[in-house]
Every structure is written in C-alpha cells, then in structure tokens.
Amino acid sequence: MHQYLRAIGFDTNIKRSDEMELVGRLINEKDEKIILSTDEDGISHSVYIKHVAPECGVVLVGHNVGDHFMVEYYYPYSKYPYMTSQKNCKITKMSDNERYMASCEDSRFGINAIFYLSNFIDIFKYKIPLDEEVKVRCLSLSALAKSARIISPIDKAPEVEKEMLDRRTKRVNLVERAQDGDDEAFEQLTSEEMKLYQRVNHRVWESDLYSVVDSFFMPSGMECDQYCVMGQITDIEEHVNSVTGRRFYRFNIKTNNDMRMAVTVAAADVTGEPKTGRRIKCDVWLQGEIEF
C-alpha cells in the first residue's frame, strides 16, 4: 500500500485484502474519470480521482476493459493553492507506466528541486514536450509526510529579521549571477560559504542546532523526490478524511529564502502543538503542480 496515504487520513497498516477492498471503494465512489487515450483494441487508459477533502484525495491510474477498471497504480495527492515559483521546469517520464518527474532550478531552493508531477494529465492535454525546459505560469509545490515535529521559532528582533532578508536577497542574486557564468559572483559565493561554515561550526558547539538553523530544504534518502524540510508555519488547515473520518493537517510553510509550499500530515503523527509562527520539521515526498 502507498505509504503516504497515511498523510491524508488512511490506515496503511492493513491486510492486502483490506487494501483491495479500499481501492474498490475508491473506484466505485470516484468523483472524476478522465480518459487519457484509447487504443485500437478499444482499451481506454484512464485516471480516476477520489476527493477525500478540499484539494486532497487519491488518484488511481489504469485502463478500462469494457466496464471493468484495472488499476495499475495509485497515489495520494494534496495541492498547494498558491505559487511557489515561476522558473522554467523540465519534465521526464519514468520508465514504468504514466509517471512523470519534474525539476525546477530556482535559486531560492538552493538545489535543483525534483518532484513528482501530480497534474501529469496536462502533458497529454497541452502536448508538453519532455526532457527539455518548458515555460510555466505557476509552479505550486506540496508535500506529504508520514510524521512531523513542531519546533519553537527563533526569537528575532525586527532589525535582525530585516538584515536576514537582505542577506537572503543578496545571496539569491549572487547565485543567479553565478549560474549565468559570472566568475566574480562565483568567487564571492565560495568565500561566503566558507565563512558561513566556520561560523556555524563554531556555534553548534555552544548552542542547540535548531537555534542556529532557522529553516532548510535538503534531499533525504535514496529517492530523488524525498526531502527533509524545516520551515515556519504561516497557516494551518485541519481536514477530515471523508472515507475514514480521520483528521489530518495541511500546513502552509515558508522555508529556504521565503520559499512557500504546503506539508500534509495525519494529526496523530504530529508531535507538539501546531501553531502559526512555530516551525515544522519532517521528511516528505515532494509533489508539484505546474500551470503551463
């Protein structure tokens, strides 16, 4: 069973027979049916979608043989209704089935962010080319977590907050210049990285790590679309899964260099009391929706 179904209120610790029963129920109670293509034998490759809460649900991908739907794979989704980036993206098809990964190199991320493309249906609709950069109107990143921890915020004076914002803006500009081939910007970035490493290395011996590091967004584990994230909570939505009745949260957060995204996690898997202004730390499966 897909391990991240737990994030939107499903129980993943069930028998195979119970899983098949659940999948059958999701198919029978589907809210949307989208036909991707139909081959010469009359077999339709289709997508069924079951909503379990606003902007959350399960996508089932398979094919129709007559009136029978054969599931090839399924996955949970949770959408972030706001914009994360407008930088160009590159889309790649995975080797198995109709699964697509995308990447976005936004300087604020600090890395080339790779994510699971949740609205892959639009690739067929708009005939989007693969393995090359495409222009996007809007990229919205969201993530599903199996557990999360709430952490107190770092108390910062307004003037310190402004100074940090200026530094982040300056760094983003330097990164963009370095990516364009500016040697002076590259040397300045290298020098600042060395200084930052020395300062952090000195402080971690005297302070708690989370009082030194305000936020981060970095790869985690073996899969390219899994990350470890820590960021400030800007908004909290509490939802109830319409199928199971279980509660889950969707946290809108800001992390690296004011990068905005959403993190969805089951209420039972959150350690600490969620409040706006506090921070959240978790390992996530990153999804993204691109508006072409």
C-alpha atoms as a PDB file:
ATOM      1  CA  MET A   1       0.000   0.000   0.000  1.00  0.00           C
ATOM      2  CA  HIS A   2       1.254   3.507  -0.772  1.00  0.00           C
ATOM      3  CA  GLN A   3       2.989   4.577   2.434  1.00  0.00           C
ATOM      4  CA  TYR A   4       1.995   8.250   2.131  1.00  0.00           C
ATOM      5  CA  LEU A   5      -1.747   7.510   2.107  1.00  0.00           C
ATOM      6  CA  ARG A   6      -1.433   7.847   5.872  1.00  0.00           C
ATOM      7  CA  ALA A   7      -0.760  11.569   5.465  1.00  0.00           C
ATOM      8  CA  ILE A   8      -4.323  12.193   4.230  1.00  0.00           C
ATOM      9  CA  GLY A   9      -6.074  10.028   6.815  1.00  0.00           C
ATOM     10  CA  PHE A  10      -5.848   6.422   5.611  1.00  0.00           C
ATOM     11  CA  ASP A  11      -4.564   3.484   7.633  1.00  0.00           C
ATOM     12  CA  THR A  12      -1.543   1.948   5.860  1.00  0.00           C
ATOM     13  CA  ASN A  13      -1.138  -0.917   8.347  1.00  0.00           C
ATOM     14  CA  ILE A  14      -3.804  -3.170   6.835  1.00  0.00           C
ATOM     15  CA  LYS A  15      -4.008  -6.544   5.121  1.00  0.00           C
ATOM     16  CA  ARG A  16      -3.795  -6.943   1.355  1.00  0.00           C
ATOM     17  CA  SER A  17      -7.466  -7.965   1.199  1.00  0.00           C
ATOM     18  CA  ASP A  18      -8.472  -4.778   3.069  1.00  0.00           C
ATOM     19  CA  GLU A  19      -6.344  -2.717   0.693  1.00  0.00           C
ATOM     20  CA  MET A  20      -8.122  -4.205  -2.330  1.00  0.00           C
ATOM     21  CA  GLU A  21     -11.468  -3.501  -0.686  1.00  0.00           C
ATOM     22  CA  LEU A  22     -10.449   0.124  -0.143  1.00  0.00           C
ATOM     23  CA  VAL A  23      -9.269   0.500  -3.731  1.00  0.00           C
ATOM     24  CA  GLY A  24     -12.578  -0.939  -4.948  1.00  0.00           C
ATOM     25  CA  ARG A  25     -14.474   1.568  -2.833  1.00  0.00           C
ATOM     26  CA  LEU A  26     -12.407   4.471  -4.176  1.00  0.00           C
ATOM     27  CA  ILE A  27     -13.157   3.326  -7.733  1.00  0.00           C
ATOM     28  CA  ASN A  28     -16.890   2.970  -7.102  1.00  0.00           C
ATOM     29  CA  GLU A  29     -17.103   6.337  -5.315  1.00  0.00           C
ATOM     30  CA  LYS A  30     -14.858   8.225  -7.756  1.00  0.00           C
ATOM     31  CA  ASP A  31     -15.527  11.935  -8.272  1.00  0.00           C
ATOM     32  CA  GLU A  32     -13.789  12.245 -11.646  1.00  0.00           C
ATOM     33  CA  LYS A  33     -12.976   9.993 -14.599  1.00  0.00           C
ATOM     34  CA  ILE A  34     -10.525  11.150 -17.252  1.00  0.00           C
ATOM     35  CA  ILE A  35      -9.698   9.129 -20.377  1.00  0.00           C
ATOM     36  CA  LEU A  36      -6.100   9.699 -21.494  1.00  0.00           C
ATOM     37  CA  SER A  37      -6.204   7.625 -24.680  1.00  0.00           C
ATOM     38  CA  THR A  38      -7.959   4.694 -26.348  1.00  0.00           C
ATOM     39  CA  ASP A  39      -6.051   2.107 -28.379  1.00  0.00           C
ATOM     40  CA  GLU A  40      -7.191   0.187 -31.459  1.00  0.00           C
ATOM     41  CA  ASP A  41      -8.489  -2.670 -29.282  1.00  0.00           C
ATOM     42  CA  GLY A  42     -10.878  -0.316 -27.528  1.00  0.00           C
ATOM     43  CA  ILE A  43      -8.933  -0.323 -24.252  1.00  0.00           C
ATOM     44  CA  SER A  44      -9.047   3.086 -22.597  1.00  0.00           C
ATOM     45  CA  HIS A  45      -6.167   4.323 -20.450  1.00  0.00           C
ATOM     46  CA  SER A  46      -7.911   6.255 -17.711  1.00  0.00           C
ATOM     47  CA  VAL A  47      -7.477   8.177 -14.472  1.00  0.00           C
ATOM     48  CA  TYR A  48      -9.989   8.000 -11.620  1.00  0.00           C
ATOM     49  CA  ILE A  49      -9.880  10.627  -8.868  1.00  0.00           C
ATOM     50  CA  LYS A  50     -11.490  10.381  -5.442  1.00  0.00           C
ATOM     51  CA  HIS A  51     -11.560  13.557  -3.333  1.00  0.00           C
ATOM     52  CA  VAL A  52     -11.391  12.972   0.428  1.00  0.00           C
ATOM     53  CA  ALA A  53     -11.094  16.654   1.474  1.00  0.00           C
ATOM     54  CA  PRO A  54     -10.654  20.030  -0.258  1.00  0.00           C
ATOM     55  CA  GLU A  55      -7.623  19.818  -2.592  1.00  0.00           C
ATOM     56  CA  CYS A  56      -6.765  16.318  -1.264  1.00  0.00           C
ATOM     57  CA  GLY A  57      -7.510  12.816  -2.471  1.00  0.00           C
ATOM     58  CA  VAL A  58      -6.351   9.696  -4.279  1.00  0.00           C
ATOM     59  CA  VAL A  59      -5.505   9.300  -7.972  1.00  0.00           C
ATOM     60  CA  LEU A  60      -5.942   5.827  -9.495  1.00  0.00           C
ATOM     61  CA  VAL A  61      -4.341   5.169 -12.887  1.00  0.00           C
ATOM     62  CA  GLY A  62      -5.191   2.162 -15.041  1.00  0.00           C
ATOM     63  CA  HIS A  63      -7.186   1.013 -18.034  1.00  0.00           C
ATOM     64  CA  ASN A  64     -10.781   0.138 -18.817  1.00  0.00           C
ATOM     65  CA  VAL A  65     -11.658  -3.197 -20.404  1.00  0.00           C
ATOM     66  CA  GLY A  66     -15.351  -2.889 -21.100  1.00  0.00           C
ATOM     67  CA  ASP A  67     -16.963  -1.717 -17.866  1.00  0.00           C
ATOM     68  CA  HIS A  68     -14.120  -3.028 -15.694  1.00  0.00           C
ATOM     69  CA  PHE A  69     -11.325  -0.725 -14.461  1.00  0.00           C
ATOM     70  CA  MET A  70      -7.936  -2.396 -13.896  1.00  0.00           C
ATOM     71  CA  VAL A  71      -5.745  -0.381 -11.511  1.00  0.00           C
ATOM     72  CA  GLU A  72      -2.063  -0.162 -12.426  1.00  0.00           C
ATOM     73  CA  TYR A  73      -1.043   2.148  -9.588  1.00  0.00           C
ATOM     74  CA  TYR A  74      -2.447   4.810  -7.288  1.00  0.00           C
ATOM     75  CA  TYR A  75      -1.123   7.608  -5.116  1.00  0.00           C
ATOM     76  CA  PRO A  76      -2.361  10.276  -2.690  1.00  0.00           C
ATOM     77  CA  TYR A  77      -2.190  13.959  -3.506  1.00  0.00           C
ATOM     78  CA  SER A  78      -2.520  17.240  -1.656  1.00  0.00           C
ATOM     79  CA  LYS A  79      -2.461  20.533  -3.537  1.00  0.00           C
ATOM     80  CA  TYR A  80      -0.978  23.890  -2.551  1.00  0.00           C
ATOM     81  CA  PRO A  81      -3.280  26.591  -3.965  1.00  0.00           C
ATOM     82  CA  TYR A  82      -0.594  29.293  -4.098  1.00  0.00           C
ATOM     83  CA  MET A  83       2.503  29.897  -6.199  1.00  0.00           C
ATOM     84  CA  THR A  84       5.936  28.581  -5.206  1.00  0.00           C
ATOM     85  CA  SER A  85       7.917  29.555  -8.303  1.00  0.00           C
ATOM     86  CA  GLN A  86       7.691  30.765 -11.906  1.00  0.00           C
ATOM     87  CA  LYS A  87      11.020  29.355 -13.055  1.00  0.00           C
ATOM     88  CA  ASN A  88      11.170  27.026 -16.057  1.00  0.00           C
ATOM     89  CA  CYS A  89      10.774  23.298 -15.418  1.00  0.00           C
ATOM     90  CA  LYS A  90      11.957  20.119 -17.121  1.00  0.00           C
ATOM     91  CA  ILE A  91       9.687  17.055 -17.254  1.00  0.00           C
ATOM     92  CA  THR A  92      10.870  13.456 -17.597  1.00  0.00           C
ATOM     93  CA  LYS A  93       8.816  10.288 -17.971  1.00  0.00           C
ATOM     94  CA  MET A  94       9.683   7.460 -15.598  1.00  0.00           C
ATOM     95  CA  SER A  95      10.355   4.061 -17.111  1.00  0.00           C
ATOM     96  CA  ASP A  96       7.217   2.418 -15.714  1.00  0.00           C
ATOM     97  CA  ASN A  97       3.637   3.417 -16.555  1.00  0.00           C
ATOM     98  CA  GLU A  98       2.468   7.005 -16.973  1.00  0.00           C
ATOM     99  CA  ARG A  99       4.548   8.526 -14.168  1.00  0.00           C
ATOM    100  CA  TYR A 100       6.356  11.798 -14.588  1.00  0.00           C
ATOM    101  CA  MET A 101       9.016  13.635 -12.622  1.00  0.00           C
ATOM    102  CA  ALA A 102       9.807  17.316 -12.995  1.00  0.00           C
ATOM    103  CA  SER A 103      12.644  19.537 -11.867  1.00  0.00           C
ATOM    104  CA  CYS A 104      12.934  23.253 -11.185  1.00  0.00           C
ATOM    105  CA  GLU A 105      16.162  25.155 -10.600  1.00  0.00           C
ATOM    106  CA  ASP A 106      15.044  28.153  -8.586  1.00  0.00           C
ATOM    107  CA  SER A 107      17.892  29.953  -6.812  1.00  0.00           C
ATOM    108  CA  ARG A 108      15.826  30.189  -3.623  1.00  0.00           C
ATOM    109  CA  PHE A 109      15.722  26.402  -3.282  1.00  0.00           C
ATOM    110  CA  GLY A 110      19.483  26.147  -3.059  1.00  0.00           C
ATOM    111  CA  ILE A 111      19.280  22.949  -5.147  1.00  0.00           C
ATOM    112  CA  ASN A 112      17.653  21.636  -8.303  1.00  0.00           C
ATOM    113  CA  ALA A 113      14.313  20.575  -6.799  1.00  0.00           C
ATOM    114  CA  ILE A 114      12.989  17.295  -8.245  1.00  0.00           C
ATOM    115  CA  PHE A 115       9.353  16.412  -7.613  1.00  0.00           C
ATOM    116  CA  TYR A 116       6.544  14.071  -8.647  1.00  0.00           C
ATOM    117  CA  LEU A 117       4.318  15.810 -11.203  1.00  0.00           C
ATOM    118  CA  SER A 118       0.775  15.428  -9.851  1.00  0.00           C
ATOM    119  CA  ASN A 119      -1.074  17.015 -12.815  1.00  0.00           C
ATOM    120  CA  PHE A 120       0.562  14.822 -15.482  1.00  0.00           C
ATOM    121  CA  ILE A 121      -2.789  14.771 -17.311  1.00  0.00           C
ATOM    122  CA  ASP A 122      -1.980  18.256 -18.646  1.00  0.00           C
ATOM    123  CA  ILE A 123       1.014  16.795 -20.520  1.00  0.00           C
ATOM    124  CA  PHE A 124      -1.467  14.996 -22.785  1.00  0.00           C
ATOM    125  CA  LYS A 125      -3.886  17.926 -22.882  1.00  0.00           C
ATOM    126  CA  TYR A 126      -1.330  20.560 -23.936  1.00  0.00           C
ATOM    127  CA  LYS A 127       1.170  18.216 -25.675  1.00  0.00           C
ATOM    128  CA  ILE A 128       4.014  19.298 -23.411  1.00  0.00           C
ATOM    129  CA  PRO A 129       7.492  18.262 -24.679  1.00  0.00           C
ATOM    130  CA  LEU A 130       9.620  16.024 -22.445  1.00  0.00           C
ATOM    131  CA  ASP A 131      13.280  16.258 -21.426  1.00  0.00           C
ATOM    132  CA  GLU A 132      13.595  19.944 -22.244  1.00  0.00           C
ATOM    133  CA  GLU A 133      12.905  23.166 -20.387  1.00  0.00           C
ATOM    134  CA  VAL A 134       9.340  24.433 -20.660  1.00  0.00           C
ATOM    135  CA  LYS A 135       7.955  27.783 -19.617  1.00  0.00           C
ATOM    136  CA  VAL A 136       5.459  27.727 -16.762  1.00  0.00           C
ATOM    137  CA  ARG A 137       2.955  30.241 -15.490  1.00  0.00           C
ATOM    138  CA  CYS A 138       2.992  28.874 -11.979  1.00  0.00           C
ATOM    139  CA  LEU A 139       4.577  26.030 -10.015  1.00  0.00           C
ATOM    140  CA  SER A 140       2.945  25.018  -6.728  1.00  0.00           C
ATOM    141  CA  LEU A 141       4.841  22.597  -4.500  1.00  0.00           C
ATOM    142  CA  SER A 142       3.208  20.428  -1.856  1.00  0.00           C
ATOM    143  CA  ALA A 143       4.445  17.515   0.210  1.00  0.00           C
ATOM    144  CA  LEU A 144       3.162  14.526   2.166  1.00  0.00           C
ATOM    145  CA  ALA A 145       4.794  13.448   5.417  1.00  0.00           C
ATOM    146  CA  LYS A 146       4.477  10.282   7.500  1.00  0.00           C
ATOM    147  CA  SER A 147       5.319  12.224  10.684  1.00  0.00           C
ATOM    148  CA  ALA A 148       6.231  15.746  11.754  1.00  0.00           C
ATOM    149  CA  ARG A 149       7.622  17.594  14.748  1.00  0.00           C
ATOM    150  CA  ILE A 150       6.630  21.088  15.865  1.00  0.00           C
ATOM    151  CA  ILE A 151       9.565  23.265  16.958  1.00  0.00           C
ATOM    152  CA  SER A 152       9.569  26.645  18.672  1.00  0.00           C
ATOM    153  CA  PRO A 153      10.518  29.616  16.482  1.00  0.00           C
ATOM    154  CA  ILE A 154      13.759  31.538  16.816  1.00  0.00           C
ATOM    155  CA  ASP A 155      13.068  34.839  18.565  1.00  0.00           C
ATOM    156  CA  LYS A 156      14.438  37.568  16.292  1.00  0.00           C
ATOM    157  CA  ALA A 157      14.299  41.338  16.641  1.00  0.00           C
ATOM    158  CA  PRO A 158      12.754  43.244  13.684  1.00  0.00           C
ATOM    159  CA  GLU A 159      16.120  44.708  12.672  1.00  0.00           C
ATOM    160  CA  VAL A 160      17.675  41.208  12.683  1.00  0.00           C
ATOM    161  CA  GLU A 161      14.795  39.909  10.562  1.00  0.00           C
ATOM    162  CA  LYS A 162      15.378  42.712   8.040  1.00  0.00           C
ATOM    163  CA  GLU A 163      19.118  42.034   7.956  1.00  0.00           C
ATOM    164  CA  MET A 164      18.479  38.323   7.300  1.00  0.00           C
ATOM    165  CA  LEU A 165      16.051  39.166   4.486  1.00  0.00           C
ATOM    166  CA  ASP A 166      18.654  41.458   2.882  1.00  0.00           C
ATOM    167  CA  ARG A 167      21.269  38.704   3.114  1.00  0.00           C
ATOM    168  CA  ARG A 168      18.931  36.145   1.542  1.00  0.00           C
ATOM    169  CA  THR A 169      18.079  38.517  -1.310  1.00  0.00           C
ATOM    170  CA  LYS A 170      21.761  39.238  -1.904  1.00  0.00           C
ATOM    171  CA  ARG A 171      22.596  35.529  -1.919  1.00  0.00           C
ATOM    172  CA  VAL A 172      19.832  34.673  -4.395  1.00  0.00           C
ATOM    173  CA  ASN A 173      21.126  37.397  -6.726  1.00  0.00           C
ATOM    174  CA  LEU A 174      24.679  36.059  -6.423  1.00  0.00           C
ATOM    175  CA  VAL A 175      23.538  32.521  -7.213  1.00  0.00           C
ATOM    176  CA  GLU A 176      21.668  33.706 -10.304  1.00  0.00           C
ATOM    177  CA  ARG A 177      24.726  35.653 -11.496  1.00  0.00           C
ATOM    178  CA  ALA A 178      26.975  32.636 -10.884  1.00  0.00           C
ATOM    179  CA  GLN A 179      24.595  30.416 -12.887  1.00  0.00           C
ATOM    180  CA  ASP A 180      24.894  32.897 -15.752  1.00  0.00           C
ATOM    181  CA  GLY A 181      28.689  32.500 -15.722  1.00  0.00           C
ATOM    182  CA  ASP A 182      29.756  35.456 -13.560  1.00  0.00           C
ATOM    183  CA  ASP A 183      33.168  34.400 -12.126  1.00  0.00           C
ATOM    184  CA  GLU A 184      33.228  37.240  -9.598  1.00  0.00           C
ATOM    185  CA  ALA A 185      29.843  36.172  -8.181  1.00  0.00           C
ATOM    186  CA  PHE A 186      31.051  32.560  -8.015  1.00  0.00           C
ATOM    187  CA  GLU A 187      34.170  33.550  -6.063  1.00  0.00           C
ATOM    188  CA  GLN A 188      32.130  35.707  -3.692  1.00  0.00           C
ATOM    189  CA  LEU A 189      29.684  32.844  -3.080  1.00  0.00           C
ATOM    190  CA  THR A 190      32.561  30.446  -2.364  1.00  0.00           C
ATOM    191  CA  SER A 191      34.086  32.906   0.112  1.00  0.00           C
ATOM    192  CA  GLU A 192      30.752  33.451   1.896  1.00  0.00           C
ATOM    193  CA  GLU A 193      30.137  29.688   2.094  1.00  0.00           C
ATOM    194  CA  MET A 194      33.484  29.201   3.822  1.00  0.00           C
ATOM    195  CA  LYS A 195      32.762  31.983   6.309  1.00  0.00           C
ATOM    196  CA  LEU A 196      29.274  30.617   6.998  1.00  0.00           C
ATOM    197  CA  TYR A 197      30.650  27.111   7.540  1.00  0.00           C
ATOM    198  CA  GLN A 198      33.166  28.429  10.066  1.00  0.00           C
ATOM    199  CA  ARG A 199      30.522  30.430  11.978  1.00  0.00           C
ATOM    200  CA  VAL A 200      28.058  27.534  12.131  1.00  0.00           C
ATOM    201  CA  ASN A 201      30.784  25.044  13.053  1.00  0.00           C
ATOM    202  CA  HIS A 202      31.730  27.272  15.975  1.00  0.00           C
ATOM    203  CA  ARG A 203      28.167  27.920  17.200  1.00  0.00           C
ATOM    204  CA  VAL A 204      26.934  24.327  17.169  1.00  0.00           C
ATOM    205  CA  TRP A 205      29.362  23.550  19.979  1.00  0.00           C
ATOM    206  CA  GLU A 206      27.717  26.202  22.171  1.00  0.00           C
ATOM    207  CA  SER A 207      24.056  26.224  21.003  1.00  0.00           C
ATOM    208  CA  ASP A 208      21.270  23.863  20.034  1.00  0.00           C
ATOM    209  CA  LEU A 209      21.279  23.165  16.289  1.00  0.00           C
ATOM    210  CA  TYR A 210      17.701  24.412  15.807  1.00  0.00           C
ATOM    211  CA  SER A 211      18.567  27.748  17.395  1.00  0.00           C
ATOM    212  CA  VAL A 212      21.299  28.176  14.777  1.00  0.00           C
ATOM    213  CA  VAL A 213      19.461  26.885  11.698  1.00  0.00           C
ATOM    214  CA  ASP A 214      16.194  28.715  11.033  1.00  0.00           C
ATOM    215  CA  SER A 215      14.984  26.602   8.091  1.00  0.00           C
ATOM    216  CA  PHE A 216      16.235  24.165   5.487  1.00  0.00           C
ATOM    217  CA  PHE A 217      15.217  22.190   2.395  1.00  0.00           C
ATOM    218  CA  MET A 218      17.530  19.316   1.516  1.00  0.00           C
ATOM    219  CA  PRO A 219      17.446  15.868  -0.126  1.00  0.00           C
ATOM    220  CA  SER A 220      16.796  12.905   2.157  1.00  0.00           C
ATOM    221  CA  GLY A 221      17.040   9.171   1.496  1.00  0.00           C
ATOM    222  CA  MET A 222      17.588   7.284  -1.745  1.00  0.00           C
ATOM    223  CA  GLU A 223      14.656   8.656  -3.756  1.00  0.00           C
ATOM    224  CA  CYS A 224      15.206  11.877  -5.710  1.00  0.00           C
ATOM    225  CA  ASP A 225      11.780  13.322  -4.763  1.00  0.00           C
ATOM    226  CA  GLN A 226      12.172  12.895  -0.995  1.00  0.00           C
ATOM    227  CA  TYR A 227      13.407  15.744   1.189  1.00  0.00           C
ATOM    228  CA  CYS A 228      13.931  16.802   4.761  1.00  0.00           C
ATOM    229  CA  VAL A 229      12.227  20.142   5.357  1.00  0.00           C
ATOM    230  CA  MET A 230      12.023  22.644   8.173  1.00  0.00           C
ATOM    231  CA  GLY A 231      10.112  25.899   7.856  1.00  0.00           C
ATOM    232  CA  GLN A 232       7.881  28.413   9.580  1.00  0.00           C
ATOM    233  CA  ILE A 233       4.148  27.682   9.687  1.00  0.00           C
ATOM    234  CA  THR A 234       2.180  30.519   8.071  1.00  0.00           C
ATOM    235  CA  ASP A 235      -1.259  28.862   8.068  1.00  0.00           C
ATOM    236  CA  ILE A 236      -2.894  25.665   9.364  1.00  0.00           C
ATOM    237  CA  GLU A 237      -5.835  23.820   7.800  1.00  0.00           C
ATOM    238  CA  GLU A 238      -7.471  20.927   9.613  1.00  0.00           C
ATOM    239  CA  HIS A 239      -9.389  18.432   7.475  1.00  0.00           C
ATOM    240  CA  VAL A 240     -11.300  15.180   7.959  1.00  0.00           C
ATOM    241  CA  ASN A 241     -10.966  12.312   5.500  1.00  0.00           C
ATOM    242  CA  SER A 242     -14.480  11.726   4.109  1.00  0.00           C
ATOM    243  CA  VAL A 243     -13.823   7.989   3.706  1.00  0.00           C
ATOM    244  CA  THR A 244     -12.178   7.136   7.062  1.00  0.00           C
ATOM    245  CA  GLY A 245     -13.208  10.056   9.295  1.00  0.00           C
ATOM    246  CA  ARG A 246      -9.584  10.592  10.371  1.00  0.00           C
ATOM    247  CA  ARG A 247      -8.143  14.071  10.895  1.00  0.00           C
ATOM    248  CA  PHE A 248      -5.106  15.467   9.124  1.00  0.00           C
ATOM    249  CA  TYR A 249      -3.385  18.834   8.817  1.00  0.00           C
ATOM    250  CA  ARG A 250      -2.200  20.831   5.839  1.00  0.00           C
ATOM    251  CA  PHE A 251       0.478  23.300   6.919  1.00  0.00           C
ATOM    252  CA  ASN A 252       1.356  26.210   4.656  1.00  0.00           C
ATOM    253  CA  ILE A 253       5.010  26.961   5.363  1.00  0.00           C
ATOM    254  CA  LYS A 254       7.897  29.102   4.218  1.00  0.00           C
ATOM    255  CA  THR A 255      11.352  27.593   4.164  1.00  0.00           C
ATOM    256  CA  ASN A 256      14.596  28.395   2.308  1.00  0.00           C
ATOM    257  CA  ASN A 257      14.737  32.041   1.220  1.00  0.00           C
ATOM    258  CA  ASP A 258      10.986  32.549   1.666  1.00  0.00           C
ATOM    259  CA  MET A 259      10.138  29.507  -0.489  1.00  0.00           C
ATOM    260  CA  ARG A 260       6.425  28.724   0.031  1.00  0.00           C
ATOM    261  CA  MET A 261       4.850  25.261  -0.023  1.00  0.00           C
ATOM    262  CA  ALA A 262       2.378  23.015   1.819  1.00  0.00           C
ATOM    263  CA  VAL A 263       3.007  19.965   4.008  1.00  0.00           C
ATOM    264  CA  THR A 264       0.200  17.466   4.734  1.00  0.00           C
ATOM    265  CA  VAL A 265       0.420  15.033   7.655  1.00  0.00           C
ATOM    266  CA  ALA A 266      -2.014  12.998   9.774  1.00  0.00           C
ATOM    267  CA  ALA A 267      -2.979  14.692  13.044  1.00  0.00           C
ATOM    268  CA  ALA A 268      -1.991  11.576  15.008  1.00  0.00           C
ATOM    269  CA  ASP A 269       1.539  11.751  13.566  1.00  0.00           C
ATOM    270  CA  VAL A 270       2.286  15.326  14.649  1.00  0.00           C
ATOM    271  CA  THR A 271       4.464  15.711  17.742  1.00  0.00           C
ATOM    272  CA  GLY A 272       3.886  19.025  19.518  1.00  0.00           C
ATOM    273  CA  GLU A 273       1.137  21.625  19.363  1.00  0.00           C
ATOM    274  CA  PRO A 274       0.722  23.181  15.904  1.00  0.00           C
ATOM    275  CA  LYS A 275       0.506  26.977  15.924  1.00  0.00           C
ATOM    276  CA  THR A 276       1.073  29.665  13.336  1.00  0.00           C
ATOM    277  CA  GLY A 277       4.559  31.125  13.725  1.00  0.00           C
ATOM    278  CA  ARG A 278       6.096  27.933  15.034  1.00  0.00           C
ATOM    279  CA  ARG A 279       8.291  25.722  12.873  1.00  0.00           C
ATOM    280  CA  ILE A 280       7.682  22.245  11.499  1.00  0.00           C
ATOM    281  CA  LYS A 281      10.329  19.626  10.662  1.00  0.00           C
ATOM    282  CA  CYS A 282       9.610  16.473   8.656  1.00  0.00           C
ATOM    283  CA  ASP A 283      10.739  14.113   5.921  1.00  0.00           C
ATOM    284  CA  VAL A 284       8.468  14.479   2.901  1.00  0.00           C
ATOM    285  CA  TRP A 285       7.537  13.145  -0.510  1.00  0.00           C
ATOM    286  CA  LEU A 286       7.548  16.209  -2.769  1.00  0.00           C
ATOM    287  CA  GLN A 287       4.797  16.767  -5.329  1.00  0.00           C
ATOM    288  CA  GLY A 288       4.243  19.639  -7.694  1.00  0.00           C
ATOM    289  CA  GLU A 289       1.502  21.006  -9.932  1.00  0.00           C
ATOM    290  CA  ILE A 290       2.520  23.034 -12.958  1.00  0.00           C
ATOM    291  CA  GLU A 291       0.284  25.545 -14.710  1.00  0.00           C
ATOM    292  CA  PHE A 292       1.537  25.640 -18.283  1.00  0.00           C
END
